[in-house]
Amino acid sequence: MHLNEIGSLTVERQAREPVSRWQAPSEASATAATVTSNSELDHEISYAGRKLGRMRARTTGARATTGPYPDLLPQFARQCGRLVMRDRLEKWSLGRLGQPLRLIGLSGAMRDLDRFVEIASASPLPVLLHGEFGTEKLAAAAAIHCSGPRPEKPFVAVDCSDPDAAPADWLDRSKGGTLYLSAIDRLSSPLQSALPRHLPSRLALWPHTASQRAPRIIASTTLDLAPLVADGRFSRELAIELSVLEARLPPIRERTGDIAALMRDTIARLGYDADEKITQDLLSACLAYDWPENCAEFERLLARLATMTGAAPIDAAAIRRHAPLLAKGQSEPPGTISIWTPPRTTLLDRWALRAIDPDEDFAELDDTLAKALRHMGKRFEETIDLAELAAIGGVAPLRMSELFRSAIGVSFKKLLRQIRILAACERLASQPALSITQLAFEVGFGDLSYFERSFRSAMGETPRQFRQRRRLGKQAAPRPLLSDSGRYSSELRWEA
């Protein structure tokens, strides 16, 4: 197999074992020329119509032109081309985004995703990526961009749950490249209305003069947009415009055949020897677990286990000590499931609920961060800033900010806001006559309009809509997050 500008891989059977040899580009060209004249099967390696190299195979007897070989070689060559582009994604994302993004695994679901990325990368049409929390939506979006004809052009990612500018700025920064709208299902109504004014409509759903430098649009969502459109919570025109090409990213529980590969990749990237760290206990535990937060949770737990066990293998005792939920096969912390949101809560919800729980000890966290989380859970109604938490933990504010992002994967501000939103939901459930203005101030929001925007962003509806739906009986009546004694209830469960 010869890959342009990369090199050649030769695999030969010696006795009954395959032996491989890799050659750099300078050595490979001579070998490639020699092999051509003797090759019995020859097939081009390409990707989205672009030539990447050649695949050549020699066999003995008549097997080269009969049996499965003529059909298998083109299939193998296509898959090799897709693996080459996965490698380019990792290198491109490290250089452009500062983090190596990967698509790992060869399950049927991941091969389907590879095929979609190849097709979508050659097209300028809008793409909508569906996927649960923690699936590789950013990696898929980046793969479509960097595998396309303009990988050197801008790739601008916007978090629609908390955007840092206006749509005009997003479009301007991504001219000629790709605009990736992450969590489009959480885009506020005002921004849903503003975005089309700057976005050319391919389906002529709104008037606009298309620009030759208009970016390619890729959006991702964790929710099905159709029910949001039906409820009036998402723009029908925008949903139709974005969903020309669509793909679903599979959750880990649907691709258990990739778990071993994900495990080896995660541990190797941490600098450990995967053969020494991985045990049958670890593999069995990972296969039995539901992974509700998908790759985000997988990497977090594997990083914790690999780090806490040092040079030792990750055995059953280590799993019980450092990742008890994984050992038990539980996908939800007992006593911390919200009774008014679906059981598959987000990472932000989980940490917010753990912070509220007075019995939570945060045993797996650094004591500095554990103190900060307990303080936030007790005092969320008050004004809290990062400097205050840093003083409680005895560290600098910058260090405290780094701990939030590296250890639990969320920022201090987002977590505090989510704690207050969850508290507001509980009070609306238990005190339906409470005014929205009073509620906002009781849970720590000093600005009513900011509270309403934050509530809608987190819950998908306004506080008034949330209360009205409960009054109309459209959702099961919840029990309080806190028991009558003010202690966190350990009996909370989702009730359909």
Protein backbone atom coordinates (compact mmCIF):
# COMPACT_ATOMS: atom_id res chain seq x y z
CA MET A 1 0.00 0.00 0.00
CA HIS A 2 1.49 3.33 -1.10
CA LEU A 3 0.15 6.66 0.23
CA ASN A 4 1.19 9.89 -1.45
CA GLU A 5 3.54 12.02 0.70
CA ILE A 6 3.20 9.53 3.58
CA GLY A 7 5.02 6.35 2.64
CA SER A 8 4.40 2.67 1.94
CA LEU A 9 3.33 -0.27 4.04
CA THR A 10 4.31 -3.75 2.89
CA VAL A 11 2.72 -6.81 4.51
CA GLU A 12 4.03 -10.27 3.60
CA ARG A 13 3.26 -13.74 4.90
CA GLN A 14 6.35 -15.51 6.22
CA ALA A 15 5.60 -19.07 7.29
CA ARG A 16 2.12 -18.57 8.77
CA GLU A 17 2.65 -15.11 10.29
CA PRO A 18 2.19 -11.69 8.61
CA VAL A 19 5.25 -9.43 8.69
CA SER A 20 4.89 -5.70 8.02
CA ARG A 21 7.46 -3.13 6.93
CA TRP A 22 6.99 0.65 6.73
CA GLN A 23 8.96 2.86 4.34
CA ALA A 24 9.23 6.65 4.30
CA PRO A 25 8.23 8.51 1.09
CA SER A 26 11.83 8.71 -0.20
CA GLU A 27 12.28 4.94 0.04
CA ALA A 28 8.73 4.07 -0.94
CA SER A 29 8.77 5.49 -4.48
CA ALA A 30 11.34 2.97 -5.73
CA THR A 31 9.49 0.07 -4.13
CA ALA A 32 6.19 1.23 -5.60
CA ALA A 33 7.67 1.29 -9.10
CA THR A 34 9.11 -2.21 -8.65
CA VAL A 35 5.87 -3.70 -7.38
CA THR A 36 3.71 -2.30 -10.17
CA SER A 37 4.92 -4.62 -12.88
CA ASN A 38 4.39 -7.73 -10.76
CA SER A 39 1.04 -6.81 -9.21
CA GLU A 40 -1.89 -9.08 -9.91
CA LEU A 41 -4.44 -6.79 -8.21
CA ASP A 42 -4.17 -3.02 -8.18
CA HIS A 43 -6.64 -0.47 -6.82
CA GLU A 44 -6.55 3.27 -6.19
CA ILE A 45 -6.92 4.62 -2.64
CA SER A 46 -9.08 7.74 -2.80
CA TYR A 47 -11.30 9.89 -0.62
CA ALA A 48 -14.18 12.05 -1.85
CA GLY A 49 -12.79 11.84 -5.37
CA ARG A 50 -9.22 12.81 -4.37
CA LYS A 51 -6.37 10.37 -5.01
CA LEU A 52 -4.44 9.40 -1.89
CA GLY A 53 -2.37 6.45 -3.13
CA ARG A 54 -2.57 2.86 -4.41
CA MET A 55 -3.26 -0.57 -2.96
CA ARG A 56 -1.56 -3.56 -4.60
CA ALA A 57 -1.83 -7.26 -3.78
CA ARG A 58 -0.07 -10.37 -5.06
CA THR A 59 -1.21 -13.92 -4.40
CA THR A 60 -0.14 -17.35 -5.58
CA GLY A 61 -2.04 -19.46 -8.07
CA ALA A 62 -5.37 -18.40 -9.48
CA ARG A 63 -6.67 -16.84 -6.27
CA ALA A 64 -5.86 -13.31 -7.38
CA THR A 65 -8.60 -13.17 -10.00
CA THR A 66 -11.11 -15.59 -8.48
CA GLY A 67 -12.92 -15.83 -5.18
CA PRO A 68 -13.38 -12.80 -2.92
CA TYR A 69 -10.15 -10.95 -3.70
CA PRO A 70 -11.33 -8.72 -6.59
CA ASP A 71 -14.29 -7.53 -4.48
CA LEU A 72 -12.47 -7.23 -1.15
CA LEU A 73 -9.56 -5.09 -2.35
CA PRO A 74 -11.70 -2.08 -3.41
CA GLN A 75 -13.59 -2.23 -0.10
CA PHE A 76 -10.34 -2.41 1.84
CA ALA A 77 -8.88 0.46 -0.19
CA ARG A 78 -11.93 2.64 0.54
CA GLN A 79 -11.64 1.96 4.27
CA CYS A 80 -7.92 2.75 4.19
CA GLY A 81 -8.72 6.10 2.59
CA ARG A 82 -11.15 6.89 5.41
CA LEU A 83 -8.58 5.92 8.04
CA VAL A 84 -6.05 8.24 6.39
CA MET A 85 -8.54 11.09 6.73
CA ARG A 86 -9.10 10.24 10.40
CA ASP A 87 -5.37 10.66 10.89
CA ARG A 88 -5.48 14.01 9.07
CA LEU A 89 -8.34 15.11 11.33
CA GLU A 90 -6.20 14.51 14.41
CA LYS A 91 -3.26 16.47 13.02
CA TRP A 92 -5.44 19.28 11.64
CA SER A 93 -7.39 19.74 14.88
CA LEU A 94 -4.23 19.78 16.98
CA GLY A 95 -2.76 22.53 14.83
CA ARG A 96 -5.94 24.58 14.35
CA LEU A 97 -7.99 23.96 17.50
CA GLY A 98 -5.25 23.09 19.98
CA GLN A 99 -6.71 19.66 20.73
CA PRO A 100 -6.39 16.36 18.84
CA LEU A 101 -9.89 15.27 17.83
CA ARG A 102 -10.37 11.60 17.04
CA LEU A 103 -12.94 9.24 15.60
CA ILE A 104 -12.14 5.84 17.10
CA GLY A 105 -13.50 2.39 16.28
CA LEU A 106 -14.51 0.24 13.33
CA SER A 107 -17.99 -0.79 14.41
CA GLY A 108 -20.71 -0.70 11.77
CA ALA A 109 -22.01 2.56 13.24
CA MET A 110 -18.61 4.25 13.00
CA ARG A 111 -18.05 3.00 9.45
CA ASP A 112 -21.44 4.48 8.56
CA LEU A 113 -20.27 7.78 10.07
CA ASP A 114 -17.05 7.59 8.03
CA ARG A 115 -19.11 7.18 4.86
CA PHE A 116 -21.31 10.14 5.75
CA VAL A 117 -18.32 12.39 6.52
CA GLU A 118 -16.76 11.51 3.16
CA ILE A 119 -19.95 12.35 1.27
CA ALA A 120 -20.70 15.51 3.27
CA SER A 121 -17.14 16.83 3.02
CA ALA A 122 -17.44 17.03 -0.76
CA SER A 123 -20.71 18.99 -0.59
CA PRO A 124 -21.41 22.62 0.43
CA LEU A 125 -24.89 21.72 1.77
CA PRO A 126 -25.82 22.37 5.43
CA VAL A 127 -25.34 19.46 7.82
CA LEU A 128 -27.26 18.65 11.01
CA LEU A 129 -25.55 16.22 13.41
CA HIS A 130 -27.71 14.46 15.99
CA GLY A 131 -26.07 12.97 19.07
CA GLU A 132 -26.47 12.51 22.79
CA PHE A 133 -24.39 14.47 25.26
CA GLY A 134 -20.72 13.50 25.07
CA THR A 135 -20.75 11.99 21.58
CA GLU A 136 -18.14 13.13 19.08
CA LYS A 137 -20.19 15.88 17.42
CA LEU A 138 -17.32 18.40 17.36
CA ALA A 139 -14.94 15.79 15.90
CA ALA A 140 -17.45 14.89 13.19
CA ALA A 141 -17.99 18.56 12.29
CA ALA A 142 -14.24 19.19 12.17
CA ALA A 143 -13.76 16.05 10.05
CA ILE A 144 -16.28 17.29 7.49
CA HIS A 145 -14.46 20.63 7.29
CA CYS A 146 -10.85 19.41 7.19
CA SER A 147 -11.67 16.60 4.73
CA GLY A 148 -13.28 19.06 2.35
CA PRO A 149 -11.74 21.24 -0.36
CA ARG A 150 -10.98 24.19 1.98
CA PRO A 151 -9.32 22.83 5.16
CA GLU A 152 -7.13 25.94 5.42
CA LYS A 153 -10.17 28.24 5.67
CA PRO A 154 -11.73 29.31 9.01
CA PHE A 155 -13.54 26.80 11.19
CA VAL A 156 -15.57 28.79 13.73
CA ALA A 157 -17.37 26.91 16.51
CA VAL A 158 -20.18 28.68 18.39
CA ASP A 159 -21.72 27.29 21.59
CA CYS A 160 -25.38 28.18 21.02
CA SER A 161 -26.22 27.65 24.70
CA ASP A 162 -23.97 30.58 25.63
CA PRO A 163 -22.80 32.41 22.46
CA ASP A 164 -20.17 35.09 22.87
CA ALA A 165 -21.31 37.40 20.07
CA ALA A 166 -24.08 38.03 17.53
CA PRO A 167 -24.82 36.04 14.34
CA ALA A 168 -23.33 38.77 12.15
CA ASP A 169 -19.98 38.27 13.89
CA TRP A 170 -20.18 34.46 13.54
CA LEU A 171 -20.76 34.73 9.80
CA ASP A 172 -18.04 37.33 9.36
CA ARG A 173 -15.39 35.28 11.19
CA SER A 174 -16.21 32.11 9.24
CA LYS A 175 -16.35 33.63 5.74
CA GLY A 176 -15.14 31.18 3.14
CA GLY A 177 -14.90 28.38 5.70
CA THR A 178 -17.25 26.56 8.06
CA LEU A 179 -19.55 27.85 10.80
CA TYR A 180 -20.24 25.11 13.36
CA LEU A 181 -23.31 25.81 15.51
CA SER A 182 -22.98 23.52 18.52
CA ALA A 183 -26.14 22.79 20.57
CA ILE A 184 -28.40 24.56 18.06
CA ASP A 185 -31.40 23.22 20.03
CA ARG A 186 -30.42 25.59 22.86
CA LEU A 187 -30.26 28.73 20.72
CA SER A 188 -32.49 31.42 22.19
CA SER A 189 -35.57 32.63 20.31
CA PRO A 190 -34.13 36.12 19.62
CA LEU A 191 -31.02 34.57 18.06
CA GLN A 192 -33.14 32.10 16.08
CA SER A 193 -34.85 35.13 14.58
CA ALA A 194 -31.60 37.04 14.03
CA LEU A 195 -29.58 34.24 12.40
CA PRO A 196 -31.57 34.02 9.12
CA ARG A 197 -31.02 37.72 8.49
CA HIS A 198 -27.32 36.95 7.97
CA LEU A 199 -27.58 33.45 6.53
CA PRO A 200 -28.28 32.77 2.83
CA SER A 201 -31.31 30.50 2.40
CA ARG A 202 -30.63 27.62 0.03
CA LEU A 203 -34.34 26.75 0.09
CA ALA A 204 -35.57 30.34 -0.47
CA LEU A 205 -37.32 30.38 2.91
CA TRP A 206 -36.32 33.99 3.49
CA PRO A 207 -35.01 36.79 1.23
CA HIS A 208 -31.27 37.20 1.18
CA THR A 209 -28.50 37.94 -1.30
CA ALA A 210 -26.11 35.02 -1.16
CA SER A 211 -22.43 35.79 -0.79
CA GLN A 212 -19.74 33.82 -2.57
CA ARG A 213 -17.84 33.83 0.70
CA ALA A 214 -20.76 32.60 2.81
CA PRO A 215 -19.56 29.82 5.13
CA ARG A 216 -20.66 26.24 5.01
CA ILE A 217 -23.05 25.59 7.94
CA ILE A 218 -22.80 22.56 10.24
CA ALA A 219 -25.05 22.37 13.30
CA SER A 220 -25.42 19.80 16.06
CA THR A 221 -28.23 19.00 18.46
CA THR A 222 -28.88 16.68 21.38
CA LEU A 223 -32.65 16.98 20.98
CA ASP A 224 -34.95 16.16 18.08
CA LEU A 225 -35.85 19.53 16.59
CA ALA A 226 -39.27 18.37 15.30
CA PRO A 227 -40.99 18.40 18.74
CA LEU A 228 -39.39 21.77 19.51
CA VAL A 229 -40.78 23.13 16.25
CA ALA A 230 -44.22 21.67 17.02
CA ASP A 231 -44.19 23.32 20.46
CA GLY A 232 -43.18 26.67 18.99
CA ARG A 233 -39.78 26.56 20.71
CA PHE A 234 -37.68 26.40 17.54
CA SER A 235 -37.95 28.15 14.20
CA ARG A 236 -39.48 25.88 11.56
CA GLU A 237 -37.66 27.71 8.75
CA LEU A 238 -34.30 27.44 10.48
CA ALA A 239 -34.79 23.74 11.27
CA ILE A 240 -35.66 22.97 7.64
CA GLU A 241 -32.75 25.02 6.33
CA LEU A 242 -30.18 23.30 8.57
CA SER A 243 -31.29 19.70 8.06
CA VAL A 244 -30.43 19.13 4.39
CA LEU A 245 -27.80 16.48 5.22
CA GLU A 246 -28.29 14.66 8.52
CA ALA A 247 -26.34 12.07 10.50
CA ARG A 248 -26.68 10.50 13.92
CA LEU A 249 -23.62 9.93 16.10
CA PRO A 250 -24.00 6.60 17.91
CA PRO A 251 -23.81 6.50 21.72
CA ILE A 252 -21.23 4.16 23.26
CA ARG A 253 -23.89 1.69 24.42
CA GLU A 254 -24.72 1.03 20.75
CA ARG A 255 -21.09 0.48 19.73
CA THR A 256 -19.69 -1.78 22.44
CA GLY A 257 -17.40 -3.33 19.83
CA ASP A 258 -15.41 -0.06 19.91
CA ILE A 259 -14.88 -0.02 23.68
CA ALA A 260 -11.56 -1.91 23.60
CA ALA A 261 -10.19 0.48 20.95
CA LEU A 262 -11.47 3.54 22.87
CA MET A 263 -9.85 2.19 26.02
CA ARG A 264 -6.46 1.65 24.41
CA ASP A 265 -6.52 5.07 22.75
CA THR A 266 -7.48 6.92 25.94
CA ILE A 267 -4.86 5.20 28.10
CA ALA A 268 -2.10 5.56 25.50
CA ARG A 269 -2.78 9.31 25.16
CA LEU A 270 -2.24 9.64 28.91
CA GLY A 271 1.26 8.22 28.49
CA TYR A 272 0.61 4.74 29.91
CA ASP A 273 1.21 1.32 28.39
CA ALA A 274 -2.27 0.08 27.50
CA ASP A 275 -1.17 -3.58 27.64
CA GLU A 276 -0.04 -3.12 31.24
CA LYS A 277 -3.04 -1.07 32.42
CA ILE A 278 -6.00 -2.84 30.79
CA THR A 279 -7.37 -5.90 32.57
CA GLN A 280 -10.31 -8.20 31.97
CA ASP A 281 -11.95 -6.60 35.03
CA LEU A 282 -11.76 -3.18 33.37
CA LEU A 283 -13.01 -4.43 30.02
CA SER A 284 -15.94 -6.28 31.63
CA ALA A 285 -16.91 -3.24 33.72
CA CYS A 286 -16.80 -0.93 30.70
CA LEU A 287 -18.89 -3.32 28.62
CA ALA A 288 -21.53 -3.61 31.37
CA TYR A 289 -21.82 0.14 31.96
CA ASP A 290 -24.40 2.25 30.11
CA TRP A 291 -22.17 5.35 29.56
CA PRO A 292 -24.96 7.97 29.70
CA GLU A 293 -22.43 10.76 29.09
CA ASN A 294 -20.69 8.79 26.34
CA CYS A 295 -17.12 9.68 25.33
CA ALA A 296 -16.93 12.61 27.76
CA GLU A 297 -17.62 10.27 30.67
CA PHE A 298 -15.47 7.49 29.20
CA GLU A 299 -12.38 9.68 28.97
CA ARG A 300 -12.96 11.17 32.43
CA LEU A 301 -13.30 7.82 34.20
CA LEU A 302 -10.44 6.15 32.30
CA ALA A 303 -8.17 9.13 33.00
CA ARG A 304 -9.04 8.94 36.70
CA LEU A 305 -8.44 5.19 36.90
CA ALA A 306 -5.17 5.31 34.96
CA THR A 307 -3.82 8.19 37.04
CA MET A 308 -4.89 6.89 40.45
CA THR A 309 -3.43 3.42 39.86
CA GLY A 310 -0.03 4.67 38.68
CA ALA A 311 2.02 1.85 37.17
CA ALA A 312 -0.33 -0.86 38.43
CA PRO A 313 -2.99 -2.56 36.31
CA ILE A 314 -6.57 -1.29 36.66
CA ASP A 315 -8.11 -4.23 38.50
CA ALA A 316 -11.50 -4.76 40.16
CA ALA A 317 -10.34 -3.30 43.48
CA ALA A 318 -9.14 -0.11 41.79
CA ILE A 319 -12.44 0.24 39.94
CA ARG A 320 -14.45 -0.17 43.16
CA ARG A 321 -12.30 2.41 44.92
CA HIS A 322 -11.97 5.09 42.25
CA ALA A 323 -15.03 4.56 40.02
CA PRO A 324 -17.71 2.85 42.15
CA LEU A 325 -20.51 3.59 39.67
CA LEU A 326 -18.56 1.77 36.98
CA ALA A 327 -18.01 -1.18 39.31
CA LYS A 328 -21.73 -1.42 40.04
CA GLY A 329 -22.80 -0.86 36.46
CA GLN A 330 -24.89 2.13 37.61
CA SER A 331 -25.36 4.93 35.15
CA GLU A 332 -27.03 7.33 37.59
CA PRO A 333 -25.75 8.41 41.02
CA PRO A 334 -28.34 7.19 43.57
CA GLY A 335 -30.33 9.97 45.14
CA THR A 336 -29.31 12.62 42.65
CA ILE A 337 -31.68 12.09 39.72
CA SER A 338 -33.86 15.07 38.98
CA ILE A 339 -37.54 14.22 39.19
CA TRP A 340 -38.61 16.86 36.70
CA THR A 341 -36.07 16.29 33.95
CA PRO A 342 -35.46 13.12 31.89
CA PRO A 343 -33.23 10.48 33.48
CA ARG A 344 -30.42 11.10 31.00
CA THR A 345 -29.38 14.37 32.58
CA THR A 346 -26.46 16.38 31.29
CA LEU A 347 -23.01 16.60 32.83
CA LEU A 348 -23.88 20.10 34.06
CA ASP A 349 -27.07 18.82 35.75
CA ARG A 350 -25.21 16.04 37.50
CA TRP A 351 -22.60 18.26 39.05
CA ALA A 352 -25.25 20.79 40.03
CA LEU A 353 -27.30 18.09 41.76
CA ARG A 354 -24.24 16.70 43.52
CA ALA A 355 -23.34 20.18 44.75
CA ILE A 356 -26.84 20.60 46.23
CA ASP A 357 -26.68 17.26 48.06
CA PRO A 358 -25.40 17.91 51.64
CA ASP A 359 -24.33 14.25 51.98
CA GLU A 360 -22.09 14.30 48.90
CA ASP A 361 -18.41 13.90 49.85
CA PHE A 362 -16.83 14.26 46.36
CA ALA A 363 -14.36 11.53 47.32
CA GLU A 364 -12.87 11.35 43.83
CA LEU A 365 -12.04 15.09 43.69
CA ASP A 366 -9.24 17.23 45.01
CA ASP A 367 -10.19 18.58 48.45
CA THR A 368 -9.80 22.15 47.21
CA LEU A 369 -12.47 21.65 44.55
CA ALA A 370 -14.69 19.63 46.89
CA LYS A 371 -14.77 22.55 49.36
CA ALA A 372 -15.72 24.94 46.56
CA LEU A 373 -18.58 22.71 45.37
CA ARG A 374 -19.98 22.26 48.87
CA HIS A 375 -19.89 26.03 49.40
CA MET A 376 -21.72 26.65 46.11
CA GLY A 377 -24.40 24.11 47.03
CA LYS A 378 -25.05 25.74 50.40
CA ARG A 379 -24.76 29.41 49.43
CA PHE A 380 -25.97 29.59 45.82
CA GLU A 381 -28.62 32.22 46.78
CA GLU A 382 -25.83 34.63 47.71
CA THR A 383 -23.33 36.47 45.53
CA ILE A 384 -20.44 34.08 44.88
CA ASP A 385 -17.37 34.76 42.78
CA LEU A 386 -14.29 32.79 41.84
CA ALA A 387 -12.06 34.76 44.22
CA GLU A 388 -14.25 33.72 47.16
CA LEU A 389 -14.07 30.04 46.20
CA ALA A 390 -10.31 30.30 45.67
CA ALA A 391 -9.90 31.75 49.17
CA ILE A 392 -11.94 28.89 50.65
CA GLY A 393 -9.74 26.36 48.87
CA GLY A 394 -6.50 28.20 49.57
CA VAL A 395 -5.49 28.58 45.92
CA ALA A 396 -5.28 31.35 43.34
CA PRO A 397 -8.44 32.18 41.34
CA LEU A 398 -6.78 31.05 38.10
CA ARG A 399 -5.95 27.68 39.66
CA MET A 400 -9.52 27.29 40.90
CA SER A 401 -10.83 28.04 37.41
CA GLU A 402 -8.50 25.39 35.95
CA LEU A 403 -9.71 22.83 38.51
CA PHE A 404 -13.33 23.33 37.49
CA ARG A 405 -12.58 22.81 33.81
CA SER A 406 -10.04 19.98 34.10
CA ALA A 407 -11.60 17.92 36.92
CA ILE A 408 -15.33 18.19 36.23
CA GLY A 409 -15.45 19.60 32.71
CA VAL A 410 -17.60 22.67 33.38
CA SER A 411 -16.85 26.29 34.23
CA PHE A 412 -17.59 27.86 37.60
CA LYS A 413 -20.09 30.35 36.14
CA LYS A 414 -22.06 27.74 34.19
CA LEU A 415 -22.25 25.41 37.19
CA LEU A 416 -23.42 28.14 39.57
CA ARG A 417 -26.05 29.22 37.07
CA GLN A 418 -27.28 25.63 36.68
CA ILE A 419 -27.51 25.14 40.46
CA ARG A 420 -29.69 28.23 40.65
CA ILE A 421 -31.87 27.08 37.72
CA LEU A 422 -32.46 23.67 39.35
CA ALA A 423 -33.34 25.38 42.61
CA ALA A 424 -35.77 27.63 40.72
CA CYS A 425 -37.48 24.59 39.17
CA GLU A 426 -37.89 23.03 42.61
CA ARG A 427 -39.43 26.19 44.04
CA LEU A 428 -41.79 26.57 41.09
CA ALA A 429 -42.90 22.98 41.69
CA SER A 430 -43.48 23.44 45.41
CA GLN A 431 -44.66 27.10 45.36
CA PRO A 432 -46.68 27.62 42.13
CA ALA A 433 -48.00 30.99 43.32
CA LEU A 434 -44.49 32.45 43.72
CA SER A 435 -43.92 35.42 41.41
CA ILE A 436 -41.20 35.01 38.80
CA THR A 437 -39.51 38.22 39.94
CA GLN A 438 -39.35 37.06 43.55
CA LEU A 439 -38.18 33.62 42.44
CA ALA A 440 -35.29 35.10 40.46
CA PHE A 441 -33.98 37.03 43.46
CA GLU A 442 -34.51 34.13 45.88
CA VAL A 443 -32.26 31.79 43.91
CA GLY A 444 -29.48 34.33 43.41
CA PHE A 445 -30.22 36.10 40.11
CA GLY A 446 -29.96 39.86 40.41
CA ASP A 447 -31.47 40.54 37.00
CA LEU A 448 -34.92 39.25 35.98
CA SER A 449 -34.30 39.27 32.22
CA TYR A 450 -31.02 37.38 32.64
CA PHE A 451 -32.79 34.82 34.83
CA GLU A 452 -35.49 34.24 32.22
CA ARG A 453 -32.92 33.89 29.41
CA SER A 454 -30.84 31.48 31.49
CA PHE A 455 -33.88 29.42 32.49
CA ARG A 456 -35.02 29.07 28.89
CA SER A 457 -31.54 28.15 27.72
CA ALA A 458 -31.27 25.43 30.38
CA MET A 459 -34.82 24.06 30.37
CA GLY A 460 -36.04 24.79 26.85
CA GLU A 461 -38.94 26.94 28.09
CA THR A 462 -39.55 30.06 30.18
CA PRO A 463 -40.29 29.87 33.93
CA ARG A 464 -43.92 30.77 33.21
CA GLN A 465 -44.24 28.02 30.60
CA PHE A 466 -42.68 25.53 33.01
CA ARG A 467 -45.19 26.46 35.71
CA GLN A 468 -48.14 26.47 33.30
CA ARG A 469 -47.33 23.00 31.97
CA ARG A 470 -47.28 21.67 35.52
CA ARG A 471 -50.61 23.30 36.29
CA LEU A 472 -52.13 21.66 33.21
CA GLY A 473 -50.85 18.28 34.34
CA LYS A 474 -48.64 17.67 31.31
CA GLN A 475 -45.91 16.17 33.48
CA ALA A 476 -45.85 13.87 36.47
CA ALA A 477 -46.00 15.73 39.76
CA PRO A 478 -42.50 15.84 41.25
CA ARG A 479 -41.44 15.23 44.79
CA PRO A 480 -39.13 17.88 46.27
CA LEU A 481 -35.37 17.69 45.86
CA LEU A 482 -35.10 18.28 49.60
CA SER A 483 -36.94 16.27 52.22
CA ASP A 484 -39.10 17.95 54.88
CA SER A 485 -36.10 18.06 57.18
CA GLY A 486 -34.09 19.99 54.63
CA ARG A 487 -31.86 16.99 53.85
CA TYR A 488 -31.36 15.75 50.32
CA SER A 489 -33.78 12.90 49.61
CA SER A 490 -32.18 9.55 48.73
CA GLU A 491 -35.46 8.23 47.32
CA LEU A 492 -35.67 10.48 44.26
CA ARG A 493 -36.42 8.69 41.01
CA TRP A 494 -37.82 9.74 37.68
CA GLU A 495 -41.51 8.98 37.43
CA ALA A 496 -43.03 8.72 33.96
